[in-house]
C-alpha atoms as a PDB file:
ATOM      1  CA  UNK A   1      32.195  49.564 -12.146  1.00  0.00           C
ATOM      2  CA  UNK A   2      30.099  47.118 -14.175  1.00  0.00           C
ATOM      3  CA  UNK A   3      27.506  44.645 -12.973  1.00  0.00           C
ATOM      4  CA  UNK A   4      28.786  41.197 -12.002  1.00  0.00           C
ATOM      5  CA  UNK A   5      27.670  38.740 -14.669  1.00  0.00           C
ATOM      6  CA  UNK A   6      27.502  41.468 -17.324  1.00  0.00           C
ATOM      7  CA  UNK A   7      31.218  41.923 -17.905  1.00  0.00           C
ATOM      8  CA  UNK A   8      32.453  42.410 -21.485  1.00  0.00           C
ATOM      9  CA  UNK A   9      32.204  39.177 -23.405  1.00  0.00           C
ATOM     10  CA  UNK A  10      29.109  37.975 -21.570  1.00  0.00           C
ATOM     11  CA  UNK A  11      25.957  37.179 -23.526  1.00  0.00           C
ATOM     12  CA  UNK A  12      22.919  38.254 -21.484  1.00  0.00           C
ATOM     13  CA  UNK A  13      19.200  37.794 -22.067  1.00  0.00           C
ATOM     14  CA  UNK A  14      16.370  39.722 -20.438  1.00  0.00           C
ATOM     15  CA  UNK A  15      13.684  37.485 -18.936  1.00  0.00           C
ATOM     16  CA  UNK A  16      10.458  39.390 -18.246  1.00  0.00           C
ATOM     17  CA  UNK A  17       8.507  37.252 -15.806  1.00  0.00           C
ATOM     18  CA  UNK A  18       4.708  37.096 -15.807  1.00  0.00           C
ATOM     19  CA  UNK A  19       3.932  40.720 -16.670  1.00  0.00           C
ATOM     20  CA  UNK A  20       0.494  39.690 -17.905  1.00  0.00           C
ATOM     21  CA  UNK A  21      -2.860  41.428 -17.721  1.00  0.00           C
ATOM     22  CA  UNK A  22      -4.374  38.942 -15.288  1.00  0.00           C
ATOM     23  CA  UNK A  23      -1.372  39.099 -12.966  1.00  0.00           C
ATOM     24  CA  UNK A  24      -0.020  42.639 -13.110  1.00  0.00           C
ATOM     25  CA  UNK A  25      -2.600  44.918 -14.749  1.00  0.00           C
ATOM     26  CA  UNK A  26      -5.091  46.715 -12.511  1.00  0.00           C
ATOM     27  CA  UNK A  27      -7.530  47.045 -15.404  1.00  0.00           C
ATOM     28  CA  UNK A  28      -8.011  43.261 -15.318  1.00  0.00           C
ATOM     29  CA  UNK A  29      -7.472  42.157 -11.732  1.00  0.00           C
ATOM     30  CA  UNK A  30      -6.871  43.491  -8.255  1.00  0.00           C
ATOM     31  CA  UNK A  31      -4.433  42.113  -5.692  1.00  0.00           C
ATOM     32  CA  UNK A  32      -1.632  43.333  -3.422  1.00  0.00           C
ATOM     33  CA  UNK A  33       0.806  42.318  -6.191  1.00  0.00           C
ATOM     34  CA  UNK A  34      -1.009  44.471  -8.762  1.00  0.00           C
ATOM     35  CA  UNK A  35      -0.879  47.364  -6.298  1.00  0.00           C
ATOM     36  CA  UNK A  36       2.876  46.891  -5.917  1.00  0.00           C
ATOM     37  CA  UNK A  37       3.390  46.798  -9.707  1.00  0.00           C
ATOM     38  CA  UNK A  38       1.574  50.132  -9.994  1.00  0.00           C
ATOM     39  CA  UNK A  39       3.110  51.722  -6.911  1.00  0.00           C
ATOM     40  CA  UNK A  40       6.648  50.793  -7.919  1.00  0.00           C
ATOM     41  CA  UNK A  41       6.063  51.872 -11.532  1.00  0.00           C
ATOM     42  CA  UNK A  42       7.893  48.885 -12.947  1.00  0.00           C
ATOM     43  CA  UNK A  43       6.214  48.576 -16.365  1.00  0.00           C
ATOM     44  CA  UNK A  44       7.748  51.745 -17.912  1.00  0.00           C
ATOM     45  CA  UNK A  45      11.176  50.741 -16.586  1.00  0.00           C
ATOM     46  CA  UNK A  46      10.776  47.242 -18.010  1.00  0.00           C
ATOM     47  CA  UNK A  47       9.986  48.791 -21.405  1.00  0.00           C
ATOM     48  CA  UNK A  48      13.102  50.960 -21.246  1.00  0.00           C
ATOM     49  CA  UNK A  49      15.259  48.023 -20.158  1.00  0.00           C
ATOM     50  CA  UNK A  50      13.896  45.837 -22.961  1.00  0.00           C
ATOM     51  CA  UNK A  51      14.563  48.594 -25.506  1.00  0.00           C
ATOM     52  CA  UNK A  52      18.165  48.723 -24.325  1.00  0.00           C
ATOM     53  CA  UNK A  53      18.562  44.964 -24.745  1.00  0.00           C
ATOM     54  CA  UNK A  54      17.112  45.111 -28.250  1.00  0.00           C
ATOM     55  CA  UNK A  55      19.396  47.978 -29.263  1.00  0.00           C
ATOM     56  CA  UNK A  56      22.401  46.067 -27.925  1.00  0.00           C
ATOM     57  CA  UNK A  57      21.353  42.963 -29.878  1.00  0.00           C
ATOM     58  CA  UNK A  58      20.564  40.851 -26.821  1.00  0.00           C
ATOM     59  CA  UNK A  59      17.498  38.581 -26.497  1.00  0.00           C
ATOM     60  CA  UNK A  60      14.301  39.686 -24.790  1.00  0.00           C
ATOM     61  CA  UNK A  61      12.115  36.812 -23.599  1.00  0.00           C
ATOM     62  CA  UNK A  62       8.634  37.165 -22.119  1.00  0.00           C
ATOM     63  CA  UNK A  63       8.057  34.299 -19.688  1.00  0.00           C
ATOM     64  CA  UNK A  64       4.317  33.814 -19.257  1.00  0.00           C
ATOM     65  CA  UNK A  65       2.017  31.267 -17.655  1.00  0.00           C
ATOM     66  CA  UNK A  66      -1.348  30.200 -19.092  1.00  0.00           C
ATOM     67  CA  UNK A  67      -3.887  27.450 -18.500  1.00  0.00           C
ATOM     68  CA  UNK A  68      -5.177  25.277 -21.300  1.00  0.00           C
ATOM     69  CA  UNK A  69      -8.962  25.004 -21.727  1.00  0.00           C
ATOM     70  CA  UNK A  70     -10.520  23.139 -18.789  1.00  0.00           C
ATOM     71  CA  UNK A  71      -7.168  23.476 -17.028  1.00  0.00           C
ATOM     72  CA  UNK A  72      -5.784  20.421 -18.814  1.00  0.00           C
ATOM     73  CA  UNK A  73      -2.382  19.519 -17.393  1.00  0.00           C
ATOM     74  CA  UNK A  74      -2.562  22.195 -14.705  1.00  0.00           C
ATOM     75  CA  UNK A  75      -1.208  20.630 -11.521  1.00  0.00           C
ATOM     76  CA  UNK A  76      -3.097  21.805  -8.432  1.00  0.00           C
ATOM     77  CA  UNK A  77      -0.273  20.813  -6.107  1.00  0.00           C
ATOM     78  CA  UNK A  78       0.107  24.052  -4.151  1.00  0.00           C
ATOM     79  CA  UNK A  79      -2.098  26.823  -2.790  1.00  0.00           C
ATOM     80  CA  UNK A  80      -1.090  29.330  -5.472  1.00  0.00           C
ATOM     81  CA  UNK A  81      -1.765  26.889  -8.317  1.00  0.00           C
ATOM     82  CA  UNK A  82      -5.202  26.133  -6.866  1.00  0.00           C
ATOM     83  CA  UNK A  83      -5.996  29.839  -6.583  1.00  0.00           C
ATOM     84  CA  UNK A  84      -4.983  30.451 -10.186  1.00  0.00           C
ATOM     85  CA  UNK A  85      -7.217  27.643 -11.396  1.00  0.00           C
ATOM     86  CA  UNK A  86     -10.138  28.812  -9.261  1.00  0.00           C
ATOM     87  CA  UNK A  87      -9.764  32.377 -10.541  1.00  0.00           C
ATOM     88  CA  UNK A  88      -9.660  31.230 -14.160  1.00  0.00           C
ATOM     89  CA  UNK A  89      -7.909  34.441 -15.164  1.00  0.00           C
ATOM     90  CA  UNK A  90      -4.973  32.931 -17.049  1.00  0.00           C
ATOM     91  CA  UNK A  91      -6.883  30.914 -19.634  1.00  0.00           C
ATOM     92  CA  UNK A  92      -4.829  30.597 -22.806  1.00  0.00           C
ATOM     93  CA  UNK A  93      -6.021  32.894 -25.594  1.00  0.00           C
ATOM     94  CA  UNK A  94      -7.902  35.322 -23.349  1.00  0.00           C
ATOM     95  CA  UNK A  95      -6.980  39.002 -22.879  1.00  0.00           C
ATOM     96  CA  UNK A  96      -6.379  38.326 -19.190  1.00  0.00           C
ATOM     97  CA  UNK A  97      -3.632  35.810 -19.966  1.00  0.00           C
ATOM     98  CA  UNK A  98      -1.989  38.053 -22.571  1.00  0.00           C
ATOM     99  CA  UNK A  99       1.170  40.061 -22.008  1.00  0.00           C
ATOM    100  CA  UNK A 100       0.381  43.303 -20.155  1.00  0.00           C
ATOM    101  CA  UNK A 101      -1.165  45.713 -22.641  1.00  0.00           C
ATOM    102  CA  UNK A 102       1.319  48.445 -21.665  1.00  0.00           C
ATOM    103  CA  UNK A 103       4.380  46.266 -22.288  1.00  0.00           C
ATOM    104  CA  UNK A 104       6.064  46.718 -25.651  1.00  0.00           C
ATOM    105  CA  UNK A 105       6.754  43.442 -27.440  1.00  0.00           C
ATOM    106  CA  UNK A 106       9.445  43.717 -30.089  1.00  0.00           C
ATOM    107  CA  UNK A 107       9.330  41.931 -33.418  1.00  0.00           C
ATOM    108  CA  UNK A 108      12.316  39.806 -32.430  1.00  0.00           C
ATOM    109  CA  UNK A 109      11.181  39.058 -28.886  1.00  0.00           C
ATOM    110  CA  UNK A 110      10.556  35.469 -27.796  1.00  0.00           C
ATOM    111  CA  UNK A 111       7.552  34.331 -25.773  1.00  0.00           C
ATOM    112  CA  UNK A 112       8.192  31.357 -23.481  1.00  0.00           C
ATOM    113  CA  UNK A 113       4.875  29.918 -22.320  1.00  0.00           C
ATOM    114  CA  UNK A 114       4.325  27.330 -19.616  1.00  0.00           C
ATOM    115  CA  UNK A 115       1.153  25.559 -18.490  1.00  0.00           C
ATOM    116  CA  UNK A 116       2.045  24.461 -14.965  1.00  0.00           C
ATOM    117  CA  UNK A 117       4.503  25.221 -12.208  1.00  0.00           C
ATOM    118  CA  UNK A 118       5.631  28.449 -10.622  1.00  0.00           C
ATOM    119  CA  UNK A 119       8.840  29.317 -12.467  1.00  0.00           C
ATOM    120  CA  UNK A 120      10.043  30.096 -15.968  1.00  0.00           C
ATOM    121  CA  UNK A 121      12.194  27.007 -16.604  1.00  0.00           C
ATOM    122  CA  UNK A 122       9.621  24.442 -15.434  1.00  0.00           C
ATOM    123  CA  UNK A 123       8.232  22.396 -18.313  1.00  0.00           C
ATOM    124  CA  UNK A 124       9.449  24.812 -21.005  1.00  0.00           C
ATOM    125  CA  UNK A 125      12.223  24.911 -23.581  1.00  0.00           C
ATOM    126  CA  UNK A 126      13.655  28.091 -22.036  1.00  0.00           C
ATOM    127  CA  UNK A 127      16.994  26.492 -21.126  1.00  0.00           C
ATOM    128  CA  UNK A 128      17.428  25.044 -24.619  1.00  0.00           C
ATOM    129  CA  UNK A 129      16.461  28.382 -26.165  1.00  0.00           C
ATOM    130  CA  UNK A 130      18.983  30.283 -24.066  1.00  0.00           C
ATOM    131  CA  UNK A 131      21.738  27.805 -24.918  1.00  0.00           C
ATOM    132  CA  UNK A 132      20.849  28.074 -28.592  1.00  0.00           C
ATOM    133  CA  UNK A 133      21.317  31.834 -28.265  1.00  0.00           C
ATOM    134  CA  UNK A 134      24.692  31.369 -26.506  1.00  0.00           C
ATOM    135  CA  UNK A 135      23.343  33.124 -23.399  1.00  0.00           C
ATOM    136  CA  UNK A 136      25.344  32.776 -20.203  1.00  0.00           C
ATOM    137  CA  UNK A 137      23.669  35.440 -18.018  1.00  0.00           C
ATOM    138  CA  UNK A 138      19.972  36.002 -17.407  1.00  0.00           C
ATOM    139  CA  UNK A 139      18.615  39.331 -16.196  1.00  0.00           C
ATOM    140  CA  UNK A 140      15.259  38.969 -14.470  1.00  0.00           C
ATOM    141  CA  UNK A 141      12.537  41.615 -14.423  1.00  0.00           C
ATOM    142  CA  UNK A 142       8.860  41.303 -13.570  1.00  0.00           C
ATOM    143  CA  UNK A 143       6.980  39.443 -10.842  1.00  0.00           C
ATOM    144  CA  UNK A 144       7.054  38.196  -8.298  1.00  0.00           C
ATOM    145  CA  UNK A 145      10.213  38.463  -6.270  1.00  0.00           C
ATOM    146  CA  UNK A 146       8.830  36.102  -3.646  1.00  0.00           C
ATOM    147  CA  UNK A 147       7.821  33.265  -5.999  1.00  0.00           C
ATOM    148  CA  UNK A 148       8.668  33.252  -9.721  1.00  0.00           C
ATOM    149  CA  UNK A 149      11.862  35.312  -9.538  1.00  0.00           C
ATOM    150  CA  UNK A 150      13.252  33.543  -6.498  1.00  0.00           C
ATOM    151  CA  UNK A 151      12.448  30.133  -7.940  1.00  0.00           C
ATOM    152  CA  UNK A 152      13.565  31.104 -11.434  1.00  0.00           C
ATOM    153  CA  UNK A 153      16.874  32.420 -10.137  1.00  0.00           C
ATOM    154  CA  UNK A 154      17.557  29.139  -8.344  1.00  0.00           C
ATOM    155  CA  UNK A 155      16.689  27.202 -11.507  1.00  0.00           C
ATOM    156  CA  UNK A 156      18.948  29.420 -13.601  1.00  0.00           C
ATOM    157  CA  UNK A 157      21.873  28.964 -11.220  1.00  0.00           C
ATOM    158  CA  UNK A 158      21.263  25.223 -11.214  1.00  0.00           C
ATOM    159  CA  UNK A 159      21.432  25.266 -15.016  1.00  0.00           C
ATOM    160  CA  UNK A 160      24.762  27.117 -14.948  1.00  0.00           C
ATOM    161  CA  UNK A 161      23.722  30.704 -15.691  1.00  0.00           C
ATOM    162  CA  UNK A 162      24.778  33.880 -13.952  1.00  0.00           C
ATOM    163  CA  UNK A 163      21.719  35.713 -12.653  1.00  0.00           C
ATOM    164  CA  UNK A 164      21.147  39.457 -12.341  1.00  0.00           C
ATOM    165  CA  UNK A 165      18.020  41.016 -10.827  1.00  0.00           C
ATOM    166  CA  UNK A 166      17.016  44.459 -12.107  1.00  0.00           C
ATOM    167  CA  UNK A 167      15.390  45.273  -8.776  1.00  0.00           C
ATOM    168  CA  UNK A 168      13.622  48.472  -9.836  1.00  0.00           C
ATOM    169  CA  UNK A 169      11.889  46.442 -12.559  1.00  0.00           C
ATOM    170  CA  UNK A 170      10.440  43.916 -10.111  1.00  0.00           C
ATOM    171  CA  UNK A 171       7.701  43.676  -7.499  1.00  0.00           C
ATOM    172  CA  UNK A 172       6.620  41.238  -4.822  1.00  0.00           C
ATOM    173  CA  UNK A 173       3.312  40.191  -3.348  1.00  0.00           C
ATOM    174  CA  UNK A 174       3.654  42.956  -0.779  1.00  0.00           C
ATOM    175  CA  UNK A 175       6.216  45.651  -0.068  1.00  0.00           C
ATOM    176  CA  UNK A 176       7.439  43.634   2.920  1.00  0.00           C
ATOM    177  CA  UNK A 177       7.879  40.347   1.059  1.00  0.00           C
ATOM    178  CA  UNK A 178       9.717  42.211  -1.699  1.00  0.00           C
ATOM    179  CA  UNK A 179      12.047  43.845   0.810  1.00  0.00           C
ATOM    180  CA  UNK A 180      12.838  40.526   2.473  1.00  0.00           C
ATOM    181  CA  UNK A 181      13.559  38.801  -0.835  1.00  0.00           C
ATOM    182  CA  UNK A 182      15.786  41.506  -2.307  1.00  0.00           C
ATOM    183  CA  UNK A 183      17.765  42.065   0.895  1.00  0.00           C
ATOM    184  CA  UNK A 184      18.008  38.565   2.361  1.00  0.00           C
ATOM    185  CA  UNK A 185      17.268  35.775  -0.119  1.00  0.00           C
ATOM    186  CA  UNK A 186      17.871  36.806  -3.734  1.00  0.00           C
ATOM    187  CA  UNK A 187      21.383  38.181  -3.048  1.00  0.00           C
ATOM    188  CA  UNK A 188      22.455  34.622  -2.186  1.00  0.00           C
ATOM    189  CA  UNK A 189      21.850  33.443  -5.752  1.00  0.00           C
ATOM    190  CA  UNK A 190      21.802  36.580  -7.903  1.00  0.00           C
ATOM    191  CA  UNK A 191      23.566  39.882  -8.414  1.00  0.00           C
ATOM    192  CA  UNK A 192      21.232  42.636  -7.266  1.00  0.00           C
ATOM    193  CA  UNK A 193      21.278  45.665  -9.534  1.00  0.00           C
ATOM    194  CA  UNK A 194      19.020  48.249 -11.159  1.00  0.00           C
ATOM    195  CA  UNK A 195      17.951  48.984 -14.700  1.00  0.00           C
ATOM    196  CA  UNK A 196      20.291  51.962 -15.198  1.00  0.00           C
ATOM    197  CA  UNK A 197      23.326  49.928 -14.130  1.00  0.00           C
ATOM    198  CA  UNK A 198      22.292  46.988 -16.300  1.00  0.00           C
ATOM    199  CA  UNK A 199      21.837  49.258 -19.316  1.00  0.00           C
ATOM    200  CA  UNK A 200      25.209  50.851 -18.655  1.00  0.00           C
ATOM    201  CA  UNK A 201      26.848  47.430 -18.584  1.00  0.00           C
ATOM    202  CA  UNK A 202      25.353  46.129 -21.846  1.00  0.00           C
ATOM    203  CA  UNK A 203      25.710  49.302 -23.908  1.00  0.00           C
END
Protein backbone atom coordinates (compact mmCIF):
# COMPACT_ATOMS: atom_id res chain seq x y z
CA UNK A 1 0.00 0.00 0.00
CA UNK A 2 1.40 3.40 -1.00
CA UNK A 3 1.75 6.53 1.09
CA UNK A 4 -1.24 8.88 1.11
CA UNK A 5 -0.33 11.96 -0.91
CA UNK A 6 2.22 10.03 -2.98
CA UNK A 7 -0.19 8.10 -5.18
CA UNK A 8 0.65 7.69 -8.88
CA UNK A 9 0.21 10.97 -10.69
CA UNK A 10 1.25 13.09 -7.73
CA UNK A 11 4.19 15.47 -8.06
CA UNK A 12 6.13 15.52 -4.78
CA UNK A 13 9.05 17.63 -3.61
CA UNK A 14 11.40 16.90 -0.73
CA UNK A 15 11.80 19.81 1.69
CA UNK A 16 14.86 19.42 3.92
CA UNK A 17 14.32 21.78 6.83
CA UNK A 18 17.19 23.57 8.57
CA UNK A 19 19.82 20.83 8.42
CA UNK A 20 22.56 23.42 8.84
CA UNK A 21 25.86 23.31 10.67
CA UNK A 22 24.83 25.79 13.35
CA UNK A 23 21.56 23.99 14.03
CA UNK A 24 22.19 20.28 13.52
CA UNK A 25 25.94 19.64 13.43
CA UNK A 26 27.71 18.78 16.68
CA UNK A 27 31.02 19.99 15.27
CA UNK A 28 29.63 23.55 15.30
CA UNK A 29 27.13 23.73 18.15
CA UNK A 30 25.74 21.75 21.04
CA UNK A 31 22.10 21.51 22.08
CA UNK A 32 19.49 18.86 22.89
CA UNK A 33 18.36 19.13 19.24
CA UNK A 34 21.88 18.41 17.96
CA UNK A 35 22.01 15.40 20.28
CA UNK A 36 18.72 14.13 18.85
CA UNK A 37 19.95 14.58 15.25
CA UNK A 38 23.00 12.46 16.07
CA UNK A 39 21.18 9.90 18.20
CA UNK A 40 18.46 9.34 15.61
CA UNK A 41 21.00 9.20 12.76
CA UNK A 42 18.84 11.28 10.46
CA UNK A 43 21.51 12.82 8.19
CA UNK A 44 22.44 9.58 6.34
CA UNK A 45 18.75 8.78 5.85
CA UNK A 46 18.09 12.28 4.53
CA UNK A 47 20.90 11.77 2.01
CA UNK A 48 19.41 8.47 0.86
CA UNK A 49 15.92 9.97 0.62
CA UNK A 50 17.22 12.94 -1.38
CA UNK A 51 19.08 10.60 -3.75
CA UNK A 52 15.83 8.74 -4.36
CA UNK A 53 13.99 11.97 -5.18
CA UNK A 54 16.72 13.01 -7.60
CA UNK A 55 16.71 9.63 -9.34
CA UNK A 56 12.92 9.82 -9.68
CA UNK A 57 13.18 13.33 -11.14
CA UNK A 58 11.48 15.07 -8.23
CA UNK A 59 12.68 18.36 -6.68
CA UNK A 60 14.90 18.51 -3.62
CA UNK A 61 14.76 21.82 -1.76
CA UNK A 62 16.96 22.79 1.18
CA UNK A 63 15.03 25.20 3.39
CA UNK A 64 17.51 27.19 5.47
CA UNK A 65 17.43 30.20 7.76
CA UNK A 66 20.18 32.83 7.97
CA UNK A 67 20.63 36.28 9.47
CA UNK A 68 21.87 39.20 7.44
CA UNK A 69 24.86 41.16 8.79
CA UNK A 70 23.92 43.03 11.97
CA UNK A 71 20.70 41.00 12.01
CA UNK A 72 19.03 43.39 9.57
CA UNK A 73 15.36 42.49 9.20
CA UNK A 74 15.53 39.77 11.85
CA UNK A 75 12.37 40.08 13.93
CA UNK A 76 13.01 39.37 17.61
CA UNK A 77 9.35 38.67 18.30
CA UNK A 78 9.67 35.32 20.08
CA UNK A 79 12.04 33.61 22.50
CA UNK A 80 13.59 31.37 19.83
CA UNK A 81 14.25 34.27 17.46
CA UNK A 82 15.92 36.21 20.27
CA UNK A 83 18.10 33.22 21.15
CA UNK A 84 19.18 32.80 17.54
CA UNK A 85 20.16 36.45 17.30
CA UNK A 86 22.02 36.34 20.62
CA UNK A 87 23.92 33.22 19.57
CA UNK A 88 24.91 34.76 16.24
CA UNK A 89 25.46 31.30 14.77
CA UNK A 90 23.33 31.66 11.64
CA UNK A 91 25.02 34.68 10.10
CA UNK A 92 24.68 34.57 6.32
CA UNK A 93 27.88 33.48 4.57
CA UNK A 94 29.45 31.79 7.59
CA UNK A 95 30.21 28.06 7.84
CA UNK A 96 27.82 27.82 10.78
CA UNK A 97 24.89 28.98 8.65
CA UNK A 98 25.78 26.68 5.74
CA UNK A 99 24.01 23.44 4.92
CA UNK A 100 25.28 20.62 7.16
CA UNK A 101 28.67 19.54 5.84
CA UNK A 102 27.56 15.88 5.75
CA UNK A 103 24.48 16.59 3.63
CA UNK A 104 24.86 15.98 -0.09
CA UNK A 105 23.62 18.86 -2.22
CA UNK A 106 22.83 17.86 -5.78
CA UNK A 107 23.57 20.02 -8.80
CA UNK A 108 19.85 20.45 -9.45
CA UNK A 109 18.83 21.06 -5.85
CA UNK A 110 17.20 24.34 -4.85
CA UNK A 111 18.11 26.34 -1.75
CA UNK A 112 15.25 28.34 -0.23
CA UNK A 113 16.65 30.88 2.22
CA UNK A 114 14.71 32.99 4.69
CA UNK A 115 15.86 35.77 7.02
CA UNK A 116 13.12 35.80 9.65
CA UNK A 117 10.35 33.63 11.01
CA UNK A 118 10.25 30.03 12.12
CA UNK A 119 8.98 28.16 9.07
CA UNK A 120 9.94 27.49 5.47
CA UNK A 121 7.15 29.39 3.70
CA UNK A 122 7.46 32.60 5.74
CA UNK A 123 8.86 35.47 3.69
CA UNK A 124 10.21 33.22 0.92
CA UNK A 125 9.24 32.33 -2.64
CA UNK A 126 8.90 28.64 -1.71
CA UNK A 127 5.19 28.47 -2.55
CA UNK A 128 5.73 30.11 -5.95
CA UNK A 129 8.68 27.81 -6.63
CA UNK A 130 6.67 24.70 -5.80
CA UNK A 131 3.79 25.84 -8.00
CA UNK A 132 6.21 26.56 -10.82
CA UNK A 133 7.42 22.97 -10.49
CA UNK A 134 3.83 21.64 -10.52
CA UNK A 135 4.30 20.18 -7.03
CA UNK A 136 1.19 19.12 -5.15
CA UNK A 137 2.74 17.15 -2.25
CA UNK A 138 5.59 18.16 0.03
CA UNK A 139 7.62 15.61 1.96
CA UNK A 140 9.29 17.12 5.01
CA UNK A 141 12.59 15.94 6.50
CA UNK A 142 14.91 17.68 8.93
CA UNK A 143 14.32 19.73 12.07
CA UNK A 144 12.57 20.40 14.20
CA UNK A 145 9.36 18.48 14.56
CA UNK A 146 8.20 20.77 17.35
CA UNK A 147 8.72 24.09 15.53
CA UNK A 148 9.70 24.31 11.85
CA UNK A 149 8.08 21.07 10.68
CA UNK A 150 4.86 21.56 12.61
CA UNK A 151 4.57 25.16 11.46
CA UNK A 152 5.68 24.36 7.93
CA UNK A 153 3.15 21.55 7.64
CA UNK A 154 0.34 23.89 8.68
CA UNK A 155 1.52 26.47 6.14
CA UNK A 156 1.70 23.85 3.41
CA UNK A 157 -1.82 22.61 4.13
CA UNK A 158 -3.05 26.20 4.15
CA UNK A 159 -1.49 26.68 0.72
CA UNK A 160 -3.25 23.58 -0.63
CA UNK A 161 -0.49 20.96 -0.56
CA UNK A 162 -0.62 17.42 0.72
CA UNK A 163 2.01 16.92 3.41
CA UNK A 164 4.02 13.80 4.21
CA UNK A 165 6.49 13.53 7.10
CA UNK A 166 9.40 11.12 6.68
CA UNK A 167 9.56 10.58 10.43
CA UNK A 168 12.85 8.67 10.54
CA UNK A 169 14.47 11.65 8.78
CA UNK A 170 13.36 14.14 11.44
CA UNK A 171 14.22 15.14 15.00
CA UNK A 172 12.77 17.35 17.69
CA UNK A 173 14.20 19.49 20.45
CA UNK A 174 14.07 16.48 22.76
CA UNK A 175 13.00 12.87 22.39
CA UNK A 176 9.82 13.66 24.33
CA UNK A 177 8.80 16.68 22.25
CA UNK A 178 9.44 14.66 19.09
CA UNK A 179 7.28 11.80 20.35
CA UNK A 180 4.42 14.15 21.22
CA UNK A 181 4.53 15.88 17.84
CA UNK A 182 4.69 12.74 15.70
CA UNK A 183 2.01 10.89 17.66
CA UNK A 184 -0.42 13.66 18.60
CA UNK A 185 -0.03 16.84 16.55
CA UNK A 186 1.56 16.23 13.15
CA UNK A 187 -0.83 13.38 12.23
CA UNK A 188 -3.66 15.93 12.25
CA UNK A 189 -2.16 17.80 9.29
CA UNK A 190 0.25 15.37 7.63
CA UNK A 191 0.62 11.76 6.60
CA UNK A 192 3.17 10.15 8.89
CA UNK A 193 5.52 7.79 7.07
CA UNK A 194 9.16 6.73 6.86
CA UNK A 195 11.88 7.10 4.27
CA UNK A 196 11.65 3.52 2.96
CA UNK A 197 7.90 3.84 2.36
CA UNK A 198 8.31 7.23 0.71
CA UNK A 199 11.03 5.89 -1.58
CA UNK A 200 8.85 2.91 -2.44
CA UNK A 201 6.00 5.22 -3.38
CA UNK A 202 8.00 7.53 -5.66
CA UNK A 203 10.07 4.88 -7.43
